[in-house]
C-alpha atoms as a PDB file:
ATOM      1  CA  MET A   1     -28.127   7.238  -4.673  1.00  0.00           C
ATOM      2  CA  SER A   2     -24.753   6.055  -4.475  1.00  0.00           C
ATOM      3  CA  LEU A   3     -21.738   8.241  -3.432  1.00  0.00           C
ATOM      4  CA  ASN A   4     -20.075   9.714  -6.447  1.00  0.00           C
ATOM      5  CA  ALA A   5     -18.127  12.854  -5.965  1.00  0.00           C
ATOM      6  CA  GLN A   6     -17.972  13.565  -9.375  1.00  0.00           C
ATOM      7  CA  LEU A   7     -21.768  14.191  -9.485  1.00  0.00           C
ATOM      8  CA  LEU A   8     -21.822  15.846  -6.155  1.00  0.00           C
ATOM      9  CA  ARG A   9     -19.469  18.109  -7.913  1.00  0.00           C
ATOM     10  CA  ASP A  10     -21.477  18.904 -10.644  1.00  0.00           C
ATOM     11  CA  MET A  11     -24.701  19.270  -8.630  1.00  0.00           C
ATOM     12  CA  LEU A  12     -22.815  21.795  -6.370  1.00  0.00           C
ATOM     13  CA  THR A  13     -21.749  23.772  -9.508  1.00  0.00           C
ATOM     14  CA  GLN A  14     -24.984  23.627 -11.262  1.00  0.00           C
ATOM     15  CA  ASP A  15     -26.707  24.975  -7.970  1.00  0.00           C
ATOM     16  CA  THR A  16     -23.525  27.770  -7.703  1.00  0.00           C
ATOM     17  CA  ASN A  17     -24.550  28.607 -11.469  1.00  0.00           C
ATOM     18  CA  ALA A  18     -28.406  28.740 -11.073  1.00  0.00           C
ATOM     19  CA  VAL A  19     -27.615  30.688  -7.663  1.00  0.00           C
ATOM     20  CA  LYS A  20     -25.888  33.230  -9.473  1.00  0.00           C
ATOM     21  CA  GLN A  21     -28.374  33.454 -12.062  1.00  0.00           C
ATOM     22  CA  LEU A  22     -31.211  34.048  -9.448  1.00  0.00           C
ATOM     23  CA  LYS A  23     -29.076  36.698  -7.580  1.00  0.00           C
ATOM     24  CA  ASP A  24     -28.464  38.658 -10.971  1.00  0.00           C
ATOM     25  CA  LEU A  25     -32.498  38.268 -11.778  1.00  0.00           C
ATOM     26  CA  LEU A  26     -32.981  39.665  -8.196  1.00  0.00           C
ATOM     27  CA  LEU A  27     -30.713  42.674  -8.598  1.00  0.00           C
ATOM     28  CA  LYS A  28     -32.750  43.214 -12.142  1.00  0.00           C
ATOM     29  CA  GLU A  29     -36.002  43.019 -10.157  1.00  0.00           C
ATOM     30  CA  ARG A  30     -34.910  45.582  -7.556  1.00  0.00           C
ATOM     31  CA  GLU A  31     -33.631  48.032 -10.788  1.00  0.00           C
ATOM     32  CA  LEU A  32     -37.178  47.665 -12.293  1.00  0.00           C
ATOM     33  CA  LEU A  33     -38.797  48.094  -8.231  1.00  0.00           C
ATOM     34  CA  GLU A  34     -36.552  51.411  -7.616  1.00  0.00           C
ATOM     35  CA  GLN A  35     -37.511  52.587 -11.318  1.00  0.00           C
ATOM     36  CA  ARG A  36     -41.344  51.593 -10.878  1.00  0.00           C
ATOM     37  CA  LYS A  37     -40.910  49.579 -14.285  1.00  0.00           C
ATOM     38  CA  VAL A  38     -43.453  46.633 -14.574  1.00  0.00           C
ATOM     39  CA  GLU A  39     -42.660  45.798 -17.914  1.00  0.00           C
ATOM     40  CA  GLY A  40     -39.822  42.863 -17.813  1.00  0.00           C
ATOM     41  CA  MET A  41     -41.132  42.047 -14.380  1.00  0.00           C
ATOM     42  CA  GLN A  42     -43.187  39.130 -15.781  1.00  0.00           C
ATOM     43  CA  GLU A  43     -40.285  37.669 -17.510  1.00  0.00           C
ATOM     44  CA  ILE A  44     -37.977  38.022 -14.394  1.00  0.00           C
ATOM     45  CA  VAL A  45     -40.505  36.037 -12.007  1.00  0.00           C
ATOM     46  CA  GLY A  46     -40.752  33.504 -14.541  1.00  0.00           C
ATOM     47  CA  LEU A  47     -37.038  32.892 -14.923  1.00  0.00           C
ATOM     48  CA  LYS A  48     -36.718  33.017 -10.997  1.00  0.00           C
ATOM     49  CA  ASP A  49     -39.303  30.316 -10.929  1.00  0.00           C
ATOM     50  CA  HIS A  50     -37.499  28.073 -13.229  1.00  0.00           C
ATOM     51  CA  LEU A  51     -34.375  28.245 -11.253  1.00  0.00           C
ATOM     52  CA  LEU A  52     -35.752  27.811  -8.309  1.00  0.00           C
ATOM     53  CA  GLY A  53     -37.667  24.722  -9.191  1.00  0.00           C
ATOM     54  CA  ASN A  54     -34.194  23.392 -10.478  1.00  0.00           C
ATOM     55  CA  LEU A  55     -32.560  24.029  -7.092  1.00  0.00           C
ATOM     56  CA  SER A  56     -35.477  22.515  -5.339  1.00  0.00           C
ATOM     57  CA  PHE A  57     -34.692  19.250  -7.162  1.00  0.00           C
ATOM     58  CA  THR A  58     -31.276  19.266  -6.656  1.00  0.00           C
ATOM     59  CA  ALA A  59     -31.740  20.022  -2.898  1.00  0.00           C
ATOM     60  CA  LYS A  60     -33.694  17.038  -2.849  1.00  0.00           C
ATOM     61  CA  GLN A  61     -31.232  15.019  -4.013  1.00  0.00           C
ATOM     62  CA  ARG A  62     -29.028  16.153  -1.566  1.00  0.00           C
ATOM     63  CA  GLU A  63     -31.580  15.216   1.002  1.00  0.00           C
ATOM     64  CA  GLN A  64     -31.643  11.781  -0.621  1.00  0.00           C
ATOM     65  CA  VAL A  65     -28.072  11.506   0.010  1.00  0.00           C
ATOM     66  CA  LEU A  66     -28.141  12.552   3.512  1.00  0.00           C
ATOM     67  CA  ARG A  67     -30.615  10.084   4.345  1.00  0.00           C
ATOM     68  CA  ASN A  68     -28.981   7.185   2.778  1.00  0.00           C
ATOM     69  CA  ALA A  69     -25.700   8.229   4.994  1.00  0.00           C
ATOM     70  CA  GLY A  70     -28.114   8.509   8.150  1.00  0.00           C
ATOM     71  CA  LEU A  71     -27.402  12.026   8.851  1.00  0.00           C
ATOM     72  CA  PRO A  72     -29.850  14.728   9.547  1.00  0.00           C
ATOM     73  CA  THR A  73     -31.007  16.581   6.330  1.00  0.00           C
ATOM     74  CA  ASP A  74     -29.689  20.184   7.154  1.00  0.00           C
ATOM     75  CA  LEU A  75     -26.950  22.317   6.847  1.00  0.00           C
ATOM     76  CA  ALA A  76     -24.727  20.355   9.660  1.00  0.00           C
ATOM     77  CA  GLY A  77     -25.957  17.281   8.119  1.00  0.00           C
ATOM     78  CA  TRP A  78     -24.322  18.181   4.744  1.00  0.00           C
ATOM     79  CA  ASN A  79     -20.986  19.468   6.870  1.00  0.00           C
ATOM     80  CA  THR A  80     -20.781  16.421   8.217  1.00  0.00           C
ATOM     81  CA  PHE A  81     -21.199  14.143   4.753  1.00  0.00           C
ATOM     82  CA  LEU A  82     -18.479  16.439   3.306  1.00  0.00           C
ATOM     83  CA  SER A  83     -15.985  15.770   6.229  1.00  0.00           C
ATOM     84  CA  ARG A  84     -16.295  12.296   6.131  1.00  0.00           C
ATOM     85  CA  ASP A  85     -14.502  11.079   3.483  1.00  0.00           C
ATOM     86  CA  ALA A  86     -11.143  12.202   1.402  1.00  0.00           C
ATOM     87  CA  LEU A  87     -13.328  12.473  -1.731  1.00  0.00           C
ATOM     88  CA  THR A  88     -15.961  14.694  -0.337  1.00  0.00           C
ATOM     89  CA  LEU A  89     -13.564  16.665   1.799  1.00  0.00           C
ATOM     90  CA  ALA A  90     -12.745  18.479  -1.501  1.00  0.00           C
ATOM     91  CA  LEU A  91     -16.277  19.589  -2.223  1.00  0.00           C
ATOM     92  CA  ILE A  92     -16.159  21.905   0.957  1.00  0.00           C
ATOM     93  CA  PRO A  93     -14.670  25.005  -0.763  1.00  0.00           C
ATOM     94  CA  GLU A  94     -17.594  24.548  -3.679  1.00  0.00           C
ATOM     95  CA  TRP A  95     -19.977  24.318  -0.645  1.00  0.00           C
ATOM     96  CA  GLN A  96     -19.234  27.102   0.645  1.00  0.00           C
ATOM     97  CA  ILE A  97     -19.259  29.103  -2.270  1.00  0.00           C
ATOM     98  CA  LEU A  98     -22.480  27.868  -2.956  1.00  0.00           C
ATOM     99  CA  THR A  99     -23.919  28.882   0.429  1.00  0.00           C
ATOM    100  CA  ASN A 100     -22.293  32.101   0.579  1.00  0.00           C
ATOM    101  CA  GLU A 101     -24.076  32.792  -2.999  1.00  0.00           C
ATOM    102  CA  PHE A 102     -27.476  31.373  -1.148  1.00  0.00           C
ATOM    103  CA  ILE A 103     -27.131  33.980   1.632  1.00  0.00           C
ATOM    104  CA  GLU A 104     -26.614  36.805  -0.782  1.00  0.00           C
ATOM    105  CA  CYS A 105     -29.406  35.887  -2.782  1.00  0.00           C
ATOM    106  CA  GLN A 106     -31.499  35.721   0.406  1.00  0.00           C
ATOM    107  CA  THR A 107     -30.399  39.160   1.341  1.00  0.00           C
ATOM    108  CA  ALA A 108     -31.645  40.349  -2.136  1.00  0.00           C
ATOM    109  CA  ASN A 109     -34.865  38.766  -1.905  1.00  0.00           C
ATOM    110  CA  GLU A 110     -35.624  40.284   1.650  1.00  0.00           C
ATOM    111  CA  ILE A 111     -34.585  43.993   0.037  1.00  0.00           C
ATOM    112  CA  ASN A 112     -37.039  43.418  -2.903  1.00  0.00           C
ATOM    113  CA  GLY A 113     -39.885  41.723  -0.704  1.00  0.00           C
ATOM    114  CA  LYS A 114     -39.314  45.104   1.773  1.00  0.00           C
ATOM    115  CA  MET A 115     -39.625  47.172  -1.410  1.00  0.00           C
ATOM    116  CA  ILE A 116     -42.727  45.448  -3.048  1.00  0.00           C
ATOM    117  CA  ASN A 117     -44.356  45.879   0.525  1.00  0.00           C
ATOM    118  CA  ARG A 118     -43.385  49.533   0.751  1.00  0.00           C
ATOM    119  CA  SER A 119     -44.983  50.031  -2.676  1.00  0.00           C
ATOM    120  CA  LYS A 120     -48.051  48.265  -1.663  1.00  0.00           C
ATOM    121  CA  GLN A 121     -48.622  50.265   1.031  1.00  0.00           C
ATOM    122  CA  THR A 122     -47.741  53.512  -0.841  1.00  0.00           C
ATOM    123  CA  LEU A 123     -50.075  52.397  -3.502  1.00  0.00           C
ATOM    124  CA  SER A 124     -53.070  51.827  -0.827  1.00  0.00           C
ATOM    125  CA  HIS A 125     -52.409  54.816   1.077  1.00  0.00           C
ATOM    126  CA  LEU A 126     -52.829  56.760  -2.265  1.00  0.00           C
ATOM    127  CA  LEU A 127     -55.938  54.525  -3.202  1.00  0.00           C
ATOM    128  CA  ASN A 128     -57.569  55.344   0.226  1.00  0.00           C
ATOM    129  CA  LEU A 129     -56.912  59.038  -0.216  1.00  0.00           C
ATOM    130  CA  LEU A 130     -58.759  59.771  -3.561  1.00  0.00           C
ATOM    131  CA  ARG A 131     -61.266  57.537  -2.051  1.00  0.00           C
ATOM    132  CA  GLY A 132     -61.204  59.899   1.097  1.00  0.00           C
ATOM    133  CA  GLN A 133     -60.914  56.982   3.585  1.00  0.00           C
ATOM    134  CA  VAL A 134     -57.822  58.200   5.357  1.00  0.00           C
ATOM    135  CA  ALA A 135     -57.047  55.797   8.153  1.00  0.00           C
ATOM    136  CA  ALA A 136     -57.171  56.973  11.664  1.00  0.00           C
ATOM    137  CA  PRO A 137     -53.573  57.723  12.847  1.00  0.00           C
ATOM    138  CA  SER A 138     -52.716  55.681  16.130  1.00  0.00           C
ATOM    139  CA  LEU A 139     -52.001  58.397  18.978  1.00  0.00           C
ATOM    140  CA  TYR A 140     -50.605  57.406  22.375  1.00  0.00           C
ATOM    141  CA  THR A 141     -52.481  58.087  25.707  1.00  0.00           C
ATOM    142  CA  GLN A 142     -50.679  58.902  29.314  1.00  0.00           C
ATOM    143  CA  LYS A 143     -50.243  55.612  29.871  1.00  0.00           C
ATOM    144  CA  GLY A 144     -48.156  54.770  26.432  1.00  0.00           C
ATOM    145  CA  ALA A 145     -51.157  52.693  25.021  1.00  0.00           C
ATOM    146  CA  THR A 146     -52.382  53.682  21.515  1.00  0.00           C
ATOM    147  CA  THR A 147     -55.495  54.812  20.455  1.00  0.00           C
ATOM    148  CA  ASN A 148     -57.304  55.822  17.324  1.00  0.00           C
ATOM    149  CA  HIS A 149     -57.932  59.227  16.899  1.00  0.00           C
ATOM    150  CA  SER A 150     -61.497  59.639  15.162  1.00  0.00           C
ATOM    151  CA  GLY A 151     -61.302  63.159  13.775  1.00  0.00           C
ATOM    152  CA  SER A 152     -62.497  63.920  10.406  1.00  0.00           C
ATOM    153  CA  HIS A 153     -59.984  63.878   7.211  1.00  0.00           C
ATOM    154  CA  THR A 154     -62.039  65.133   4.379  1.00  0.00           C
ATOM    155  CA  VAL A 155     -59.872  65.874   1.210  1.00  0.00           C
ATOM    156  CA  VAL A 156     -62.487  67.334  -0.409  1.00  0.00           C
ATOM    157  CA  LYS A 157     -65.525  68.771   0.110  1.00  0.00           C
ATOM    158  CA  ALA A 158     -68.460  69.555  -2.267  1.00  0.00           C
END
């Protein structure tokens, strides 16, 4: 791929728009998770998958640009690439916007992941209670080590 500043600008603009859309989807997903609603979740997952596919494609294109320039295919390599030429120097603010939006997406995704994990733990705990399979609590010994207490935790007796 030859150096074409307009093509690079278009890729950055396309990626920034995709990341903003992804961030919006993650915020909608968080709302659904907070409300414990599953309606609409499948659509959000499909849209996220599509956006991530597009982002992956352009990331591979950027990697190829860096390989052709003999630079490492990481953030430092991209920053070096943009700083080397007057045409690409003008793209640095757009690149910074993209990376900031991406960091916000990562944060939103981590929050949603924690919410999903907590919901799974709660659901698992509730199912175990209904089955009468309560996990033994971990207790601490005098030396600070953990040990499982094997007392009985019957929910209902016949």
